Amino acid sequence: MSRRRREMGIRMALGAPAGTVRSMVVRDGGRLAIAGIACGSAGAIAATRFLRSLLFGVSATEPAVFAAAAAVLAGVALVATWIPARTATKVDLLEALRD
């Protein structure tokens, strides 16, 4: 967000509502999170062949475990993007434009 500070300042100076700027930042972060979760899930499924001998009492491809892990990661990503998005909407417009 520090690199896009000027962009956010210009958007808000031109009249963009704070909610629009916040949703833009969260959406951009969400796209990256979804891509990461998809790649990580694919890698985890591919690694199950090697991990089957280490798992006891649980299937290597347990759908509930994959869904829970994806949900936790999505929640963390939401919080990790919401905090900078909230900070971006509170930036001093004159200071951002001067930078």
Protein backbone atom coordinates (compact mmCIF):
# COMPACT_ATOMS: atom_id res chain seq x y z
CA MET A 1 0.00 0.00 0.00
CA SER A 2 2.88 2.36 0.59
CA ARG A 3 3.68 2.26 -3.13
CA ARG A 4 0.07 3.01 -4.08
CA ARG A 5 -0.39 5.79 -1.55
CA ARG A 6 -0.26 8.52 -4.18
CA GLU A 7 -2.79 6.69 -6.35
CA MET A 8 -5.21 6.40 -3.43
CA GLY A 9 -4.73 10.07 -2.61
CA ILE A 10 -5.50 11.11 -6.19
CA ARG A 11 -8.57 8.86 -6.34
CA MET A 12 -9.94 10.28 -3.12
CA ALA A 13 -9.08 13.87 -4.10
CA LEU A 14 -11.06 13.39 -7.31
CA GLY A 15 -14.07 12.30 -5.29
CA ALA A 16 -13.89 8.53 -4.97
CA PRO A 17 -15.75 7.40 -1.86
CA ALA A 18 -13.71 5.72 0.85
CA GLY A 19 -15.73 2.52 0.45
CA THR A 20 -14.80 2.27 -3.21
CA VAL A 21 -11.10 2.65 -2.47
CA ARG A 22 -11.34 0.12 0.36
CA SER A 23 -13.14 -2.42 -1.80
CA MET A 24 -10.58 -1.96 -4.59
CA VAL A 25 -7.69 -2.73 -2.24
CA VAL A 26 -9.48 -5.73 -0.69
CA ARG A 27 -10.43 -7.05 -4.15
CA ASP A 28 -6.82 -6.84 -5.37
CA GLY A 29 -5.58 -8.65 -2.28
CA GLY A 30 -8.37 -11.19 -2.57
CA ARG A 31 -7.35 -12.10 -6.09
CA LEU A 32 -3.83 -12.83 -4.92
CA ALA A 33 -5.15 -14.83 -1.98
CA ILE A 34 -7.42 -16.93 -4.19
CA ALA A 35 -4.55 -17.65 -6.56
CA GLY A 36 -2.33 -18.63 -3.63
CA ILE A 37 -4.99 -20.86 -2.09
CA ALA A 38 -5.57 -22.57 -5.44
CA CYS A 39 -1.85 -23.19 -6.03
CA GLY A 40 -1.35 -24.32 -2.44
CA SER A 41 -4.30 -26.70 -2.61
CA ALA A 42 -3.01 -28.18 -5.85
CA GLY A 43 0.43 -28.62 -4.29
CA ALA A 44 -1.08 -30.21 -1.18
CA ILE A 45 -3.10 -32.65 -3.24
CA ALA A 46 0.01 -33.54 -5.23
CA ALA A 47 1.97 -34.07 -2.00
CA THR A 48 -0.57 -36.49 -0.54
CA ARG A 49 1.16 -39.41 -2.25
CA PHE A 50 4.23 -38.81 -0.16
CA LEU A 51 2.40 -38.06 3.09
CA ARG A 52 0.01 -41.03 3.25
CA SER A 53 2.46 -43.06 5.33
CA LEU A 54 2.60 -40.29 7.96
CA LEU A 55 -1.17 -39.89 8.44
CA PHE A 56 -3.04 -42.08 10.90
CA GLY A 57 -6.83 -42.09 11.18
CA VAL A 58 -7.31 -39.43 8.50
CA SER A 59 -7.57 -39.78 4.77
CA ALA A 60 -4.83 -38.02 2.83
CA THR A 61 -7.42 -36.27 0.67
CA GLU A 62 -9.92 -35.35 3.39
CA PRO A 63 -12.16 -32.66 1.81
CA ALA A 64 -13.08 -31.14 5.17
CA VAL A 65 -9.43 -30.51 6.01
CA PHE A 66 -8.76 -28.85 2.66
CA ALA A 67 -11.90 -26.71 3.00
CA ALA A 68 -11.04 -25.68 6.56
CA ALA A 69 -7.49 -24.76 5.61
CA ALA A 70 -8.71 -22.72 2.64
CA ALA A 71 -11.29 -20.95 4.82
CA VAL A 72 -8.70 -20.05 7.45
CA LEU A 73 -6.30 -18.74 4.83
CA ALA A 74 -9.06 -16.73 3.16
CA GLY A 75 -9.99 -15.19 6.52
CA VAL A 76 -6.40 -14.25 7.25
CA ALA A 77 -6.06 -12.75 3.77
CA LEU A 78 -9.22 -10.70 4.29
CA VAL A 79 -7.89 -9.25 7.53
CA ALA A 80 -4.45 -8.72 5.98
CA THR A 81 -5.96 -6.67 3.16
CA TRP A 82 -8.64 -4.89 5.19
CA ILE A 83 -6.18 -3.22 7.58
CA PRO A 84 -4.09 -1.52 4.83
CA ALA A 85 -7.28 -0.66 2.95
CA ARG A 86 -8.67 1.10 6.01
CA THR A 87 -5.37 2.93 6.46
CA ALA A 88 -5.36 3.97 2.79
CA THR A 89 -8.71 5.72 3.18
CA LYS A 90 -7.43 7.75 6.13
CA VAL A 91 -4.44 9.17 4.27
CA ASP A 92 -4.03 12.96 4.26
CA LEU A 93 -4.93 13.99 0.72
CA LEU A 94 -2.58 16.98 0.51
CA GLU A 95 0.34 14.95 1.81
CA ALA A 96 -0.32 12.12 -0.64
CA LEU A 97 -0.58 14.54 -3.56
CA ARG A 98 2.67 16.28 -2.59
CA ASP A 99 4.54 12.97 -2.59
